[in-house]
Amino acid sequence: MPLEIERKFLVTGDAWREQATGRQFRQGYLSSDPERSVRVRLAGEQAWLTIKGGSRGAARAEYEYTIPAGDAREMLDSLCLQPLIEKTRYRVEYHGMTWEIDEFAGDNAGLLIAEVELESEGQSLDLPAWAGDDVTGDPRYYNASLIAHPYSQWSK
C-alpha cells in the first residue's frame, strides 16, 4: 500500500521566498471524510485524482492517478465540494530535504503551511528557521478541512 509520511508546520517570516519556485493549484474534494478523502487537483494542464486514507500520526495511505485536465476542470466546477482550495505551492530545498510551502488564496488567504515528506515517522529532521508550530496532527490544517472551515472564518 502506498504510504505518505509527512509533517506540517506553520510558516513564519519570508526568508524561504529567496530560493522558492512556485506553481498555482486549484483543488477540490469529491469526498472530505476524515477517514477517506478523494481530491481532484489541477496545475496548468496537469491533473490528478488522489485518494487518501485517514491519518495515523504522520502517515496515511495515498493513491494518486493522472487524469485529463479537461476532466479535472469539469469535476472542479460541477462535482467538487465548495469552496475550492486555491494555492501556490513553492518548493524549497533545505538540508537535503524538499519542503513544499503552500500559500493559500481565496477563502484561505493568509495561511502558509510547510510540508516535508519523510521516509519514516521516526526520521530526524532539521527544521529551517521559518518552520513555526508543528501542526501535523491538527485536522484544522488539512486541505479537506479548509473547505468546510476556511481560514478566513477562524477566530484569531
N, C-alpha and C. Protein backbone atom coordinates (compact mmCIF):
# COMPACT_ATOMS: atom_id res chain seq x y z
N MET A 1 0.85 -1.18 0.00
CA MET A 1 0.00 0.00 0.00
C MET A 1 0.90 1.24 0.00
N PRO A 2 0.67 2.17 -0.94
CA PRO A 2 1.44 3.41 -0.95
C PRO A 2 1.16 4.20 0.33
N LEU A 3 2.22 4.71 0.96
CA LEU A 3 2.08 5.41 2.23
C LEU A 3 2.72 6.79 2.14
N GLU A 4 1.98 7.81 2.58
CA GLU A 4 2.50 9.16 2.66
C GLU A 4 2.85 9.43 4.12
N ILE A 5 4.09 9.85 4.36
CA ILE A 5 4.51 10.23 5.70
C ILE A 5 5.01 11.66 5.60
N GLU A 6 4.29 12.58 6.23
CA GLU A 6 4.70 13.97 6.13
C GLU A 6 4.45 14.69 7.44
N ARG A 7 5.21 15.76 7.63
CA ARG A 7 5.00 16.65 8.76
C ARG A 7 4.64 18.02 8.21
N LYS A 8 3.80 18.74 8.96
CA LYS A 8 3.32 20.06 8.54
C LYS A 8 3.67 21.08 9.62
N PHE A 9 4.06 22.27 9.15
CA PHE A 9 4.42 23.36 10.04
C PHE A 9 3.82 24.66 9.53
N LEU A 10 3.43 25.53 10.44
CA LEU A 10 3.09 26.88 10.04
C LEU A 10 4.38 27.56 9.60
N VAL A 11 4.27 28.54 8.73
CA VAL A 11 5.44 29.23 8.20
C VAL A 11 5.51 30.62 8.83
N THR A 12 6.72 30.98 9.26
CA THR A 12 6.94 32.30 9.83
C THR A 12 7.95 33.05 8.97
N GLY A 13 7.72 34.32 8.76
CA GLY A 13 8.65 35.14 8.00
C GLY A 13 8.64 34.86 6.51
N ASP A 14 9.56 35.53 5.81
CA ASP A 14 9.63 35.42 4.35
C ASP A 14 10.98 34.94 3.85
N ALA A 15 11.88 34.52 4.72
CA ALA A 15 13.23 34.13 4.30
C ALA A 15 13.21 32.99 3.28
N TRP A 16 12.24 32.14 3.34
CA TRP A 16 12.13 31.00 2.44
C TRP A 16 11.90 31.42 0.99
N ARG A 17 11.34 32.62 0.79
CA ARG A 17 10.99 33.07 -0.57
C ARG A 17 12.20 33.25 -1.48
N GLU A 18 13.37 33.51 -0.91
CA GLU A 18 14.58 33.78 -1.71
C GLU A 18 14.91 32.64 -2.67
N GLN A 19 14.68 31.42 -2.25
CA GLN A 19 15.05 30.28 -3.09
C GLN A 19 13.86 29.46 -3.57
N ALA A 20 12.65 29.99 -3.42
CA ALA A 20 11.44 29.24 -3.74
C ALA A 20 11.03 29.40 -5.20
N THR A 21 10.53 28.31 -5.75
CA THR A 21 9.89 28.35 -7.07
C THR A 21 8.46 27.87 -6.87
N GLY A 22 7.49 28.58 -7.50
CA GLY A 22 6.09 28.29 -7.22
C GLY A 22 5.28 27.86 -8.42
N ARG A 23 4.15 27.23 -8.12
CA ARG A 23 3.21 26.73 -9.12
C ARG A 23 1.81 26.83 -8.55
N GLN A 24 0.86 27.34 -9.33
CA GLN A 24 -0.51 27.51 -8.84
C GLN A 24 -1.31 26.22 -9.00
N PHE A 25 -2.15 25.97 -7.98
CA PHE A 25 -3.02 24.81 -7.94
C PHE A 25 -4.45 25.23 -7.66
N ARG A 26 -5.39 24.51 -8.25
CA ARG A 26 -6.79 24.52 -7.85
C ARG A 26 -7.09 23.09 -7.46
N GLN A 27 -7.75 22.92 -6.34
CA GLN A 27 -8.11 21.56 -5.96
C GLN A 27 -9.44 21.56 -5.25
N GLY A 28 -10.12 20.44 -5.41
CA GLY A 28 -11.41 20.27 -4.78
C GLY A 28 -11.57 18.84 -4.30
N TYR A 29 -12.58 18.62 -3.51
CA TYR A 29 -12.80 17.31 -2.91
C TYR A 29 -14.15 16.75 -3.32
N LEU A 30 -14.12 15.51 -3.80
CA LEU A 30 -15.34 14.77 -4.07
C LEU A 30 -15.84 14.15 -2.77
N SER A 31 -14.92 13.87 -1.85
CA SER A 31 -15.24 13.40 -0.51
C SER A 31 -14.19 13.96 0.43
N SER A 32 -14.63 14.53 1.55
CA SER A 32 -13.69 15.07 2.52
C SER A 32 -13.83 14.37 3.87
N ASP A 33 -14.35 13.16 3.85
CA ASP A 33 -14.48 12.35 5.06
C ASP A 33 -13.08 12.17 5.68
N PRO A 34 -12.93 12.37 6.99
CA PRO A 34 -11.61 12.25 7.62
C PRO A 34 -10.95 10.87 7.44
N GLU A 35 -11.74 9.84 7.24
CA GLU A 35 -11.17 8.50 7.08
C GLU A 35 -10.85 8.15 5.63
N ARG A 36 -11.36 8.96 4.68
CA ARG A 36 -11.05 8.73 3.26
C ARG A 36 -11.45 9.97 2.49
N SER A 37 -10.48 10.58 1.84
CA SER A 37 -10.80 11.75 1.04
C SER A 37 -10.44 11.46 -0.42
N VAL A 38 -11.19 12.10 -1.31
CA VAL A 38 -10.94 11.97 -2.74
C VAL A 38 -10.79 13.39 -3.28
N ARG A 39 -9.59 13.67 -3.81
CA ARG A 39 -9.24 15.03 -4.23
C ARG A 39 -8.97 15.07 -5.72
N VAL A 40 -9.39 16.18 -6.34
CA VAL A 40 -9.07 16.49 -7.73
C VAL A 40 -8.15 17.70 -7.68
N ARG A 41 -7.01 17.62 -8.37
CA ARG A 41 -6.05 18.74 -8.36
C ARG A 41 -5.67 19.08 -9.79
N LEU A 42 -5.61 20.39 -10.07
CA LEU A 42 -5.25 20.89 -11.40
C LEU A 42 -4.15 21.93 -11.25
N ALA A 43 -3.08 21.75 -12.05
CA ALA A 43 -1.97 22.71 -12.12
C ALA A 43 -1.65 22.90 -13.59
N GLY A 44 -2.11 24.01 -14.16
CA GLY A 44 -1.91 24.24 -15.58
C GLY A 44 -2.67 23.19 -16.37
N GLU A 45 -1.95 22.41 -17.17
CA GLU A 45 -2.58 21.34 -17.96
C GLU A 45 -2.29 19.96 -17.39
N GLN A 46 -1.85 19.89 -16.13
CA GLN A 46 -1.64 18.62 -15.45
C GLN A 46 -2.71 18.47 -14.39
N ALA A 47 -3.20 17.24 -14.23
CA ALA A 47 -4.26 17.00 -13.26
C ALA A 47 -4.12 15.61 -12.65
N TRP A 48 -4.62 15.48 -11.40
CA TRP A 48 -4.52 14.23 -10.67
C TRP A 48 -5.78 13.99 -9.86
N LEU A 49 -6.08 12.72 -9.66
CA LEU A 49 -7.11 12.27 -8.74
C LEU A 49 -6.35 11.55 -7.63
N THR A 50 -6.59 11.96 -6.38
CA THR A 50 -5.86 11.39 -5.25
C THR A 50 -6.85 10.89 -4.22
N ILE A 51 -6.63 9.67 -3.76
CA ILE A 51 -7.43 9.08 -2.69
C ILE A 51 -6.51 8.91 -1.49
N LYS A 52 -6.94 9.43 -0.33
CA LYS A 52 -6.13 9.34 0.89
C LYS A 52 -6.95 8.70 1.99
N GLY A 53 -6.29 7.85 2.77
CA GLY A 53 -6.92 7.25 3.93
C GLY A 53 -6.80 8.18 5.13
N GLY A 54 -7.35 7.77 6.24
CA GLY A 54 -7.28 8.56 7.46
C GLY A 54 -5.85 8.63 7.99
N SER A 55 -5.53 9.72 8.64
CA SER A 55 -4.18 9.92 9.21
C SER A 55 -4.00 9.07 10.45
N ARG A 56 -2.84 8.48 10.54
CA ARG A 56 -2.40 7.73 11.72
C ARG A 56 -1.06 8.32 12.10
N GLY A 57 -1.07 9.33 12.96
CA GLY A 57 0.15 10.07 13.24
C GLY A 57 0.50 10.90 12.02
N ALA A 58 1.73 10.72 11.51
CA ALA A 58 2.17 11.47 10.33
C ALA A 58 1.99 10.65 9.05
N ALA A 59 1.38 9.47 9.14
CA ALA A 59 1.28 8.57 7.98
C ALA A 59 -0.18 8.32 7.59
N ARG A 60 -0.37 8.06 6.29
CA ARG A 60 -1.67 7.65 5.79
C ARG A 60 -1.50 7.05 4.40
N ALA A 61 -2.46 6.21 4.03
CA ALA A 61 -2.44 5.61 2.69
C ALA A 61 -2.72 6.70 1.66
N GLU A 62 -2.06 6.61 0.50
CA GLU A 62 -2.27 7.60 -0.55
C GLU A 62 -2.13 6.93 -1.91
N TYR A 63 -3.12 7.14 -2.76
CA TYR A 63 -3.11 6.64 -4.14
C TYR A 63 -3.34 7.84 -5.05
N GLU A 64 -2.49 8.00 -6.06
CA GLU A 64 -2.61 9.16 -6.95
C GLU A 64 -2.53 8.72 -8.40
N TYR A 65 -3.44 9.31 -9.23
CA TYR A 65 -3.54 8.93 -10.63
C TYR A 65 -3.63 10.19 -11.50
N THR A 66 -2.93 10.19 -12.61
CA THR A 66 -3.02 11.27 -13.58
C THR A 66 -4.35 11.15 -14.31
N ILE A 67 -5.02 12.30 -14.50
CA ILE A 67 -6.28 12.33 -15.24
C ILE A 67 -6.21 13.47 -16.27
N PRO A 68 -7.06 13.46 -17.29
CA PRO A 68 -7.08 14.56 -18.25
C PRO A 68 -7.45 15.89 -17.58
N ALA A 69 -6.76 16.97 -17.97
CA ALA A 69 -7.01 18.29 -17.39
C ALA A 69 -8.46 18.73 -17.61
N GLY A 70 -9.03 18.42 -18.77
CA GLY A 70 -10.43 18.79 -19.04
C GLY A 70 -11.38 18.12 -18.06
N ASP A 71 -11.13 16.85 -17.76
CA ASP A 71 -11.97 16.14 -16.78
C ASP A 71 -11.84 16.81 -15.41
N ALA A 72 -10.62 17.17 -15.04
CA ALA A 72 -10.39 17.82 -13.74
C ALA A 72 -11.16 19.14 -13.67
N ARG A 73 -11.08 19.95 -14.72
CA ARG A 73 -11.81 21.23 -14.73
C ARG A 73 -13.31 21.01 -14.54
N GLU A 74 -13.86 20.03 -15.25
CA GLU A 74 -15.29 19.74 -15.13
C GLU A 74 -15.65 19.30 -13.71
N MET A 75 -14.84 18.41 -13.12
CA MET A 75 -15.11 17.95 -11.75
C MET A 75 -15.00 19.10 -10.76
N LEU A 76 -13.96 19.95 -10.92
CA LEU A 76 -13.79 21.08 -10.01
C LEU A 76 -14.98 22.03 -10.10
N ASP A 77 -15.47 22.26 -11.30
CA ASP A 77 -16.56 23.22 -11.49
C ASP A 77 -17.94 22.68 -11.14
N SER A 78 -18.14 21.36 -11.26
CA SER A 78 -19.50 20.85 -11.10
C SER A 78 -19.69 19.77 -10.04
N LEU A 79 -18.65 19.06 -9.65
CA LEU A 79 -18.84 17.95 -8.72
C LEU A 79 -18.21 18.15 -7.34
N CYS A 80 -17.17 18.95 -7.27
CA CYS A 80 -16.42 19.09 -6.02
C CYS A 80 -17.14 19.98 -5.01
N LEU A 81 -16.91 19.66 -3.74
CA LEU A 81 -17.41 20.50 -2.65
C LEU A 81 -16.82 21.90 -2.79
N GLN A 82 -17.58 22.89 -2.39
CA GLN A 82 -17.14 24.28 -2.49
C GLN A 82 -16.90 24.85 -1.10
N PRO A 83 -16.03 25.80 -0.93
CA PRO A 83 -15.19 26.44 -1.95
C PRO A 83 -14.01 25.55 -2.31
N LEU A 84 -13.45 25.80 -3.47
CA LEU A 84 -12.25 25.09 -3.88
C LEU A 84 -11.05 25.62 -3.10
N ILE A 85 -10.01 24.82 -3.05
CA ILE A 85 -8.74 25.25 -2.46
C ILE A 85 -7.93 25.87 -3.59
N GLU A 86 -7.49 27.10 -3.38
CA GLU A 86 -6.63 27.79 -4.33
C GLU A 86 -5.33 28.09 -3.60
N LYS A 87 -4.20 27.75 -4.22
CA LYS A 87 -2.94 28.00 -3.54
C LYS A 87 -1.80 28.00 -4.54
N THR A 88 -0.71 28.61 -4.11
CA THR A 88 0.55 28.49 -4.84
C THR A 88 1.45 27.62 -4.00
N ARG A 89 1.99 26.59 -4.61
CA ARG A 89 2.90 25.69 -3.90
C ARG A 89 4.32 26.01 -4.33
N TYR A 90 5.14 26.29 -3.33
CA TYR A 90 6.55 26.60 -3.56
C TYR A 90 7.40 25.43 -3.08
N ARG A 91 8.48 25.19 -3.80
CA ARG A 91 9.43 24.14 -3.41
C ARG A 91 10.70 24.82 -2.94
N VAL A 92 11.19 24.37 -1.78
CA VAL A 92 12.40 24.91 -1.18
C VAL A 92 13.26 23.75 -0.71
N GLU A 93 14.52 23.75 -1.09
CA GLU A 93 15.48 22.73 -0.62
C GLU A 93 16.12 23.23 0.67
N TYR A 94 16.17 22.35 1.67
CA TYR A 94 16.80 22.70 2.94
C TYR A 94 17.43 21.44 3.54
N HIS A 95 18.74 21.46 3.73
CA HIS A 95 19.49 20.36 4.32
C HIS A 95 19.14 19.01 3.69
N GLY A 96 19.11 18.98 2.37
CA GLY A 96 18.88 17.73 1.65
C GLY A 96 17.43 17.28 1.58
N MET A 97 16.51 18.09 2.08
CA MET A 97 15.08 17.75 2.04
C MET A 97 14.35 18.77 1.18
N THR A 98 13.33 18.30 0.46
CA THR A 98 12.48 19.20 -0.32
C THR A 98 11.26 19.54 0.50
N TRP A 99 11.11 20.82 0.80
CA TRP A 99 9.95 21.33 1.51
C TRP A 99 8.98 21.92 0.51
N GLU A 100 7.69 21.73 0.76
CA GLU A 100 6.65 22.34 -0.06
C GLU A 100 5.89 23.32 0.82
N ILE A 101 5.86 24.57 0.38
CA ILE A 101 5.19 25.61 1.15
C ILE A 101 3.96 26.03 0.36
N ASP A 102 2.80 25.90 1.00
CA ASP A 102 1.54 26.27 0.38
C ASP A 102 1.12 27.65 0.89
N GLU A 103 0.98 28.58 -0.06
CA GLU A 103 0.46 29.91 0.25
C GLU A 103 -0.97 29.95 -0.30
N PHE A 104 -1.92 29.94 0.60
CA PHE A 104 -3.32 29.82 0.22
C PHE A 104 -3.90 31.15 -0.24
N ALA A 105 -4.89 31.08 -1.09
CA ALA A 105 -5.61 32.25 -1.61
C ALA A 105 -7.10 32.04 -1.37
N GLY A 106 -7.90 32.93 -1.90
CA GLY A 106 -9.35 32.79 -1.78
C GLY A 106 -9.79 32.80 -0.33
N ASP A 107 -10.69 31.89 0.06
CA ASP A 107 -11.23 31.83 1.42
C ASP A 107 -10.18 31.45 2.47
N ASN A 108 -9.02 31.00 2.03
CA ASN A 108 -7.96 30.59 2.96
C ASN A 108 -6.74 31.51 2.88
N ALA A 109 -6.92 32.70 2.29
CA ALA A 109 -5.82 33.65 2.15
C ALA A 109 -5.24 33.98 3.53
N GLY A 110 -3.92 34.10 3.57
CA GLY A 110 -3.21 34.40 4.81
C GLY A 110 -2.61 33.18 5.46
N LEU A 111 -3.01 32.01 5.04
CA LEU A 111 -2.49 30.77 5.62
C LEU A 111 -1.27 30.30 4.83
N LEU A 112 -0.19 30.01 5.54
CA LEU A 112 1.05 29.47 4.95
C LEU A 112 1.42 28.21 5.71
N ILE A 113 1.51 27.09 5.00
CA ILE A 113 1.85 25.81 5.62
C ILE A 113 3.01 25.18 4.86
N ALA A 114 4.01 24.70 5.60
CA ALA A 114 5.14 23.98 5.01
C ALA A 114 4.98 22.50 5.31
N GLU A 115 5.20 21.67 4.29
CA GLU A 115 5.13 20.22 4.44
C GLU A 115 6.44 19.61 3.99
N VAL A 116 6.83 18.54 4.63
CA VAL A 116 8.01 17.80 4.20
C VAL A 116 7.69 16.32 4.30
N GLU A 117 7.99 15.57 3.23
CA GLU A 117 7.73 14.13 3.23
C GLU A 117 8.93 13.40 3.79
N LEU A 118 8.65 12.38 4.60
CA LEU A 118 9.69 11.62 5.28
C LEU A 118 9.67 10.17 4.82
N GLU A 119 10.77 9.49 5.04
CA GLU A 119 10.85 8.06 4.72
C GLU A 119 10.27 7.21 5.83
N SER A 120 10.30 7.72 7.08
CA SER A 120 9.72 7.01 8.22
C SER A 120 9.25 8.04 9.23
N GLU A 121 8.33 7.64 10.10
CA GLU A 121 7.81 8.59 11.09
C GLU A 121 8.88 9.02 12.08
N GLY A 122 9.88 8.17 12.32
CA GLY A 122 10.92 8.48 13.28
C GLY A 122 12.12 9.20 12.69
N GLN A 123 12.07 9.52 11.40
CA GLN A 123 13.20 10.17 10.73
C GLN A 123 13.50 11.52 11.39
N SER A 124 14.79 11.77 11.66
CA SER A 124 15.15 13.07 12.24
C SER A 124 15.06 14.14 11.16
N LEU A 125 14.81 15.37 11.60
CA LEU A 125 14.53 16.45 10.68
C LEU A 125 15.15 17.73 11.20
N ASP A 126 15.97 18.38 10.38
CA ASP A 126 16.49 19.70 10.70
C ASP A 126 15.46 20.72 10.25
N LEU A 127 14.99 21.52 11.18
CA LEU A 127 13.95 22.50 10.85
C LEU A 127 14.58 23.82 10.44
N PRO A 128 14.11 24.38 9.33
CA PRO A 128 14.56 25.72 8.95
C PRO A 128 14.00 26.76 9.92
N ALA A 129 14.62 27.93 9.96
CA ALA A 129 14.19 28.99 10.87
C ALA A 129 12.75 29.43 10.61
N TRP A 130 12.28 29.28 9.36
CA TRP A 130 10.93 29.72 9.02
C TRP A 130 9.85 28.68 9.34
N ALA A 131 10.25 27.50 9.86
CA ALA A 131 9.26 26.49 10.26
C ALA A 131 8.79 26.81 11.66
N GLY A 132 7.52 27.19 11.77
CA GLY A 132 6.94 27.55 13.06
C GLY A 132 6.33 26.35 13.75
N ASP A 133 5.15 26.53 14.32
CA ASP A 133 4.48 25.48 15.08
C ASP A 133 4.23 24.24 14.22
N ASP A 134 4.45 23.07 14.81
CA ASP A 134 4.16 21.79 14.17
C ASP A 134 2.66 21.56 14.26
N VAL A 135 1.99 21.46 13.10
CA VAL A 135 0.54 21.26 13.06
C VAL A 135 0.18 19.92 12.40
N THR A 136 1.14 18.98 12.41
CA THR A 136 0.96 17.70 11.73
C THR A 136 -0.34 17.01 12.10
N GLY A 137 -0.66 16.92 13.36
CA GLY A 137 -1.85 16.17 13.77
C GLY A 137 -3.10 17.02 13.95
N ASP A 138 -3.04 18.28 13.58
CA ASP A 138 -4.17 19.18 13.79
C ASP A 138 -5.07 19.16 12.55
N PRO A 139 -6.25 18.56 12.63
CA PRO A 139 -7.11 18.42 11.45
C PRO A 139 -7.58 19.74 10.85
N ARG A 140 -7.53 20.85 11.60
CA ARG A 140 -7.93 22.15 11.04
C ARG A 140 -7.09 22.52 9.82
N TYR A 141 -5.86 22.01 9.78
CA TYR A 141 -4.93 22.39 8.71
C TYR A 141 -4.94 21.42 7.53
N TYR A 142 -5.77 20.39 7.58
CA TYR A 142 -5.89 19.50 6.43
C TYR A 142 -6.61 20.27 5.32
N ASN A 143 -6.15 20.14 4.10
CA ASN A 143 -6.80 20.82 2.98
C ASN A 143 -8.28 20.47 2.92
N ALA A 144 -8.63 19.21 3.16
CA ALA A 144 -10.03 18.79 3.11
C ALA A 144 -10.86 19.51 4.18
N SER A 145 -10.27 19.84 5.31
CA SER A 145 -10.98 20.57 6.36
C SER A 145 -11.16 22.04 6.02
N LEU A 146 -10.23 22.59 5.22
CA LEU A 146 -10.29 24.01 4.89
C LEU A 146 -11.45 24.35 3.97
N ILE A 147 -12.11 23.35 3.41
CA ILE A 147 -13.30 23.59 2.61
C ILE A 147 -14.48 23.90 3.53
N ALA A 148 -14.68 23.08 4.55
CA ALA A 148 -15.80 23.27 5.47
C ALA A 148 -15.56 24.43 6.44
N HIS A 149 -14.30 24.65 6.79
CA HIS A 149 -13.94 25.69 7.76
C HIS A 149 -12.75 26.50 7.23
N PRO A 150 -13.00 27.38 6.25
CA PRO A 150 -11.92 28.17 5.66
C PRO A 150 -11.21 29.03 6.70
N TYR A 151 -9.94 29.24 6.48
CA TYR A 151 -9.09 30.03 7.38
C TYR A 151 -9.66 31.41 7.63
N SER A 152 -10.31 32.01 6.64
CA SER A 152 -10.87 33.36 6.80
C SER A 152 -11.98 33.41 7.85
N GLN A 153 -12.54 32.26 8.22
CA GLN A 153 -13.64 32.21 9.20
C GLN A 153 -13.15 31.83 10.60
N TRP A 154 -11.86 31.56 10.74
CA TRP A 154 -11.33 31.22 12.08
C TRP A 154 -11.30 32.48 12.93
N SER A 155 -11.59 32.33 14.20
CA SER A 155 -11.43 33.48 15.10
C SER A 155 -9.95 33.56 15.48
N LYS A 156 -9.41 34.74 15.38
CA LYS A 156 -7.96 34.93 15.57
C LYS A 156 -7.57 34.92 17.03
